[in-house]
Amino acid sequence: ELTGIEAFRGSWVGATQGEGDSRRAAALVVDASADGGLFLRWRSAEGANDGAGATGPLTMRENTALFPPGKTPGVWSTRLEGGARAKARLEGSVLTTELTASTGGKTEVQSYRRTLTAPGKLSLRYTRTVGGKVEDTIDADFVKLP
């Protein structure tokens, strides 16, 4: 069954699709507590894509969001270190996380839409908007680690 937080629970690894000027790999951990809380940790590594033997520095990013149990099932919200607001919503086979922060007087929103596509597989659509303008979009496929 591809719905419910249990289907998302676990460790996932992924990489971006297609050709581009950068290469990315990512890891995701999803856990849920018995009381209805939600834990997310995602890490990514990114670097220049200069061919098959791509070398060069990698930029590492990591975010952890610990959401307390929400008043509404499948909806969570919290504040991250650094002051960003984080919201998560589970709708069927889609888990969407949204981070909102103020950057240089503009509102920046990072949206992670994770969709279960098959048992143990999910697709990610990442969108970053600044001041209402889409600055970045990334698609990636993830597989669940056994």
C-alpha atoms as a PDB file:
ATOM      1  CA  GLU A   1       0.000   0.000   0.000  1.00  0.00           C
ATOM      2  CA  LEU A   2       1.438   3.343  -1.095  1.00  0.00           C
ATOM      3  CA  THR A   3      -0.325   5.579   1.393  1.00  0.00           C
ATOM      4  CA  GLY A   4       0.178   6.610   4.992  1.00  0.00           C
ATOM      5  CA  ILE A   5       3.297   7.635   6.832  1.00  0.00           C
ATOM      6  CA  GLU A   6       4.332   3.997   7.308  1.00  0.00           C
ATOM      7  CA  ALA A   7       4.951   3.710   3.545  1.00  0.00           C
ATOM      8  CA  PHE A   8       7.414   6.628   3.780  1.00  0.00           C
ATOM      9  CA  ARG A   9       9.112   5.442   6.941  1.00  0.00           C
ATOM     10  CA  GLY A  10      12.759   4.409   6.537  1.00  0.00           C
ATOM     11  CA  SER A  11      15.992   5.443   4.854  1.00  0.00           C
ATOM     12  CA  TRP A  12      16.050   6.504   1.206  1.00  0.00           C
ATOM     13  CA  VAL A  13      18.817   7.347  -1.259  1.00  0.00           C
ATOM     14  CA  GLY A  14      18.426   9.207  -4.507  1.00  0.00           C
ATOM     15  CA  ALA A  15      20.032  11.106  -7.339  1.00  0.00           C
ATOM     16  CA  THR A  16      18.872  13.721  -9.785  1.00  0.00           C
ATOM     17  CA  GLN A  17      17.572  12.707 -13.172  1.00  0.00           C
ATOM     18  CA  GLY A  18      18.858  13.760 -16.532  1.00  0.00           C
ATOM     19  CA  GLU A  19      21.746  15.818 -17.788  1.00  0.00           C
ATOM     20  CA  GLY A  20      22.702  19.144 -16.324  1.00  0.00           C
ATOM     21  CA  ASP A  21      25.632  21.238 -15.279  1.00  0.00           C
ATOM     22  CA  SER A  22      25.673  19.824 -11.766  1.00  0.00           C
ATOM     23  CA  ARG A  23      25.429  16.397 -10.180  1.00  0.00           C
ATOM     24  CA  ARG A  24      23.514  15.688  -7.010  1.00  0.00           C
ATOM     25  CA  ALA A  25      23.001  12.796  -4.662  1.00  0.00           C
ATOM     26  CA  ALA A  26      20.728  12.787  -1.653  1.00  0.00           C
ATOM     27  CA  ALA A  27      19.691  10.774   1.377  1.00  0.00           C
ATOM     28  CA  LEU A  28      16.435  10.986   3.293  1.00  0.00           C
ATOM     29  CA  VAL A  29      15.320   9.517   6.605  1.00  0.00           C
ATOM     30  CA  VAL A  30      11.637   9.512   7.563  1.00  0.00           C
ATOM     31  CA  ASP A  31      10.390   8.357  10.942  1.00  0.00           C
ATOM     32  CA  ALA A  32       7.140   8.740  12.814  1.00  0.00           C
ATOM     33  CA  SER A  33       6.611   8.529  16.549  1.00  0.00           C
ATOM     34  CA  ALA A  34       3.802   6.623  18.202  1.00  0.00           C
ATOM     35  CA  ASP A  35       2.247   9.897  19.379  1.00  0.00           C
ATOM     36  CA  GLY A  36       1.950  11.204  15.811  1.00  0.00           C
ATOM     37  CA  GLY A  37       5.149  13.256  15.586  1.00  0.00           C
ATOM     38  CA  LEU A  38       7.236  13.264  12.418  1.00  0.00           C
ATOM     39  CA  PHE A  39      11.024  13.245  11.941  1.00  0.00           C
ATOM     40  CA  LEU A  40      12.694  14.156   8.651  1.00  0.00           C
ATOM     41  CA  ARG A  41      16.386  14.428   7.857  1.00  0.00           C
ATOM     42  CA  TRP A  42      17.658  15.068   4.385  1.00  0.00           C
ATOM     43  CA  ARG A  43      21.214  15.431   3.192  1.00  0.00           C
ATOM     44  CA  SER A  44      22.463  16.311  -0.254  1.00  0.00           C
ATOM     45  CA  ALA A  45      25.807  16.525  -2.015  1.00  0.00           C
ATOM     46  CA  GLU A  46      26.181  18.651  -5.102  1.00  0.00           C
ATOM     47  CA  GLY A  47      29.059  19.390  -7.452  1.00  0.00           C
ATOM     48  CA  ALA A  48      29.988  20.337 -10.985  1.00  0.00           C
ATOM     49  CA  ASN A  49      29.141  17.746 -13.627  1.00  0.00           C
ATOM     50  CA  ASP A  50      32.287  17.736 -15.723  1.00  0.00           C
ATOM     51  CA  GLY A  51      31.914  14.332 -17.329  1.00  0.00           C
ATOM     52  CA  ALA A  52      32.005  10.689 -16.297  1.00  0.00           C
ATOM     53  CA  GLY A  53      34.967  11.057 -13.935  1.00  0.00           C
ATOM     54  CA  ALA A  54      33.550  14.203 -12.357  1.00  0.00           C
ATOM     55  CA  THR A  55      35.826  15.548  -9.670  1.00  0.00           C
ATOM     56  CA  GLY A  56      35.927  18.773  -7.755  1.00  0.00           C
ATOM     57  CA  PRO A  57      34.457  20.069  -4.541  1.00  0.00           C
ATOM     58  CA  LEU A  58      31.091  18.887  -3.326  1.00  0.00           C
ATOM     59  CA  THR A  59      28.720  21.145  -1.460  1.00  0.00           C
ATOM     60  CA  MET A  60      27.068  19.274   1.406  1.00  0.00           C
ATOM     61  CA  ARG A  61      23.736  20.316   2.869  1.00  0.00           C
ATOM     62  CA  GLU A  62      21.775  18.836   5.722  1.00  0.00           C
ATOM     63  CA  ASN A  63      18.438  19.673   7.261  1.00  0.00           C
ATOM     64  CA  THR A  64      16.606  18.046  10.138  1.00  0.00           C
ATOM     65  CA  ALA A  65      12.991  18.767  10.995  1.00  0.00           C
ATOM     66  CA  LEU A  66      11.372  17.354  14.111  1.00  0.00           C
ATOM     67  CA  PHE A  67       7.639  17.966  13.978  1.00  0.00           C
ATOM     68  CA  PRO A  68       5.532  17.600  17.125  1.00  0.00           C
ATOM     69  CA  PRO A  69       2.181  15.818  16.753  1.00  0.00           C
ATOM     70  CA  GLY A  70      -0.249  18.070  14.883  1.00  0.00           C
ATOM     71  CA  LYS A  71      -3.839  18.882  15.753  1.00  0.00           C
ATOM     72  CA  THR A  72      -4.894  17.589  12.335  1.00  0.00           C
ATOM     73  CA  PRO A  73      -3.796  14.093  11.270  1.00  0.00           C
ATOM     74  CA  GLY A  74      -1.305  14.263   8.405  1.00  0.00           C
ATOM     75  CA  VAL A  75      -0.446  17.941   8.978  1.00  0.00           C
ATOM     76  CA  TRP A  76       2.600  19.096  10.935  1.00  0.00           C
ATOM     77  CA  SER A  77       4.420  22.379  11.538  1.00  0.00           C
ATOM     78  CA  THR A  78       7.495  23.534  13.439  1.00  0.00           C
ATOM     79  CA  ARG A  79      10.334  26.050  13.425  1.00  0.00           C
ATOM     80  CA  LEU A  80      13.831  25.031  12.385  1.00  0.00           C
ATOM     81  CA  GLU A  81      17.119  26.233  13.824  1.00  0.00           C
ATOM     82  CA  GLY A  82      17.802  29.482  12.031  1.00  0.00           C
ATOM     83  CA  GLY A  83      14.164  30.539  12.217  1.00  0.00           C
ATOM     84  CA  ALA A  84      12.677  28.997   9.071  1.00  0.00           C
ATOM     85  CA  ARG A  85       9.075  27.781   9.343  1.00  0.00           C
ATOM     86  CA  ALA A  86       8.548  24.182   8.279  1.00  0.00           C
ATOM     87  CA  LYS A  87       5.255  22.551   7.343  1.00  0.00           C
ATOM     88  CA  ALA A  88       4.581  18.995   6.275  1.00  0.00           C
ATOM     89  CA  ARG A  89       1.412  17.529   4.822  1.00  0.00           C
ATOM     90  CA  LEU A  90       0.612  13.927   3.958  1.00  0.00           C
ATOM     91  CA  GLU A  91      -2.076  13.404   1.328  1.00  0.00           C
ATOM     92  CA  GLY A  92      -2.382   9.786   0.238  1.00  0.00           C
ATOM     93  CA  SER A  93       0.905   8.844  -1.460  1.00  0.00           C
ATOM     94  CA  VAL A  94       2.278  12.405  -1.402  1.00  0.00           C
ATOM     95  CA  LEU A  95       4.321  13.919   1.450  1.00  0.00           C
ATOM     96  CA  THR A  96       4.989  17.625   0.919  1.00  0.00           C
ATOM     97  CA  THR A  97       7.426  19.588   3.080  1.00  0.00           C
ATOM     98  CA  GLU A  98       7.629  23.369   2.810  1.00  0.00           C
ATOM     99  CA  LEU A  99      10.296  25.582   4.361  1.00  0.00           C
ATOM    100  CA  THR A 100       9.647  29.335   4.513  1.00  0.00           C
ATOM    101  CA  ALA A 101      12.276  31.898   5.467  1.00  0.00           C
ATOM    102  CA  SER A 102      13.036  35.554   4.934  1.00  0.00           C
ATOM    103  CA  THR A 103      16.185  36.123   2.884  1.00  0.00           C
ATOM    104  CA  GLY A 104      17.379  39.625   2.140  1.00  0.00           C
ATOM    105  CA  GLY A 105      13.909  41.078   2.676  1.00  0.00           C
ATOM    106  CA  LYS A 106      12.298  38.533   0.337  1.00  0.00           C
ATOM    107  CA  THR A 107      10.334  35.430   1.245  1.00  0.00           C
ATOM    108  CA  GLU A 108      12.033  32.221   0.172  1.00  0.00           C
ATOM    109  CA  VAL A 109       9.998  29.007  -0.022  1.00  0.00           C
ATOM    110  CA  GLN A 110      11.571  25.608  -0.549  1.00  0.00           C
ATOM    111  CA  SER A 111       9.064  22.906  -1.413  1.00  0.00           C
ATOM    112  CA  TYR A 112       9.829  19.177  -1.376  1.00  0.00           C
ATOM    113  CA  ARG A 113       7.017  17.132  -2.931  1.00  0.00           C
ATOM    114  CA  ARG A 114       7.728  13.436  -2.406  1.00  0.00           C
ATOM    115  CA  THR A 115       5.453  10.968  -4.199  1.00  0.00           C
ATOM    116  CA  LEU A 116       5.482   7.198  -3.687  1.00  0.00           C
ATOM    117  CA  THR A 117       5.522   5.725  -7.198  1.00  0.00           C
ATOM    118  CA  ALA A 118       5.927   2.007  -6.346  1.00  0.00           C
ATOM    119  CA  PRO A 119       6.754   0.001  -3.227  1.00  0.00           C
ATOM    120  CA  GLY A 120      10.146   1.271  -2.049  1.00  0.00           C
ATOM    121  CA  LYS A 121      10.342   4.009  -4.711  1.00  0.00           C
ATOM    122  CA  LEU A 122       9.554   7.695  -4.585  1.00  0.00           C
ATOM    123  CA  SER A 123      10.035  10.723  -6.766  1.00  0.00           C
ATOM    124  CA  LEU A 124      10.977  14.162  -5.492  1.00  0.00           C
ATOM    125  CA  ARG A 125      10.059  17.478  -7.086  1.00  0.00           C
ATOM    126  CA  TYR A 126      11.996  20.278  -5.383  1.00  0.00           C
ATOM    127  CA  THR A 127      11.045  23.885  -6.070  1.00  0.00           C
ATOM    128  CA  ARG A 128      12.665  27.024  -4.666  1.00  0.00           C
ATOM    129  CA  THR A 129      10.889  30.348  -5.024  1.00  0.00           C
ATOM    130  CA  VAL A 130      12.210  33.728  -3.918  1.00  0.00           C
ATOM    131  CA  GLY A 131       9.823  36.671  -3.799  1.00  0.00           C
ATOM    132  CA  GLY A 132       7.220  34.592  -5.636  1.00  0.00           C
ATOM    133  CA  LYS A 133       9.581  33.770  -8.533  1.00  0.00           C
ATOM    134  CA  VAL A 134      10.701  30.175  -9.207  1.00  0.00           C
ATOM    135  CA  GLU A 135      14.508  30.143  -8.993  1.00  0.00           C
ATOM    136  CA  ASP A 136      15.220  26.430  -8.987  1.00  0.00           C
ATOM    137  CA  THR A 137      13.496  23.133  -9.798  1.00  0.00           C
ATOM    138  CA  ILE A 138      15.020  19.693  -9.279  1.00  0.00           C
ATOM    139  CA  ASP A 139      13.588  16.241  -9.966  1.00  0.00           C
ATOM    140  CA  ALA A 140      15.082  13.174  -8.324  1.00  0.00           C
ATOM    141  CA  ASP A 141      14.225   9.498  -7.872  1.00  0.00           C
ATOM    142  CA  PHE A 142      14.737   7.699  -4.572  1.00  0.00           C
ATOM    143  CA  VAL A 143      14.828   4.057  -3.535  1.00  0.00           C
ATOM    144  CA  LYS A 144      14.297   2.781  -0.022  1.00  0.00           C
ATOM    145  CA  LEU A 145      17.216   1.019   1.632  1.00  0.00           C
ATOM    146  CA  PRO A 146      16.384  -2.486   2.889  1.00  0.00           C
END
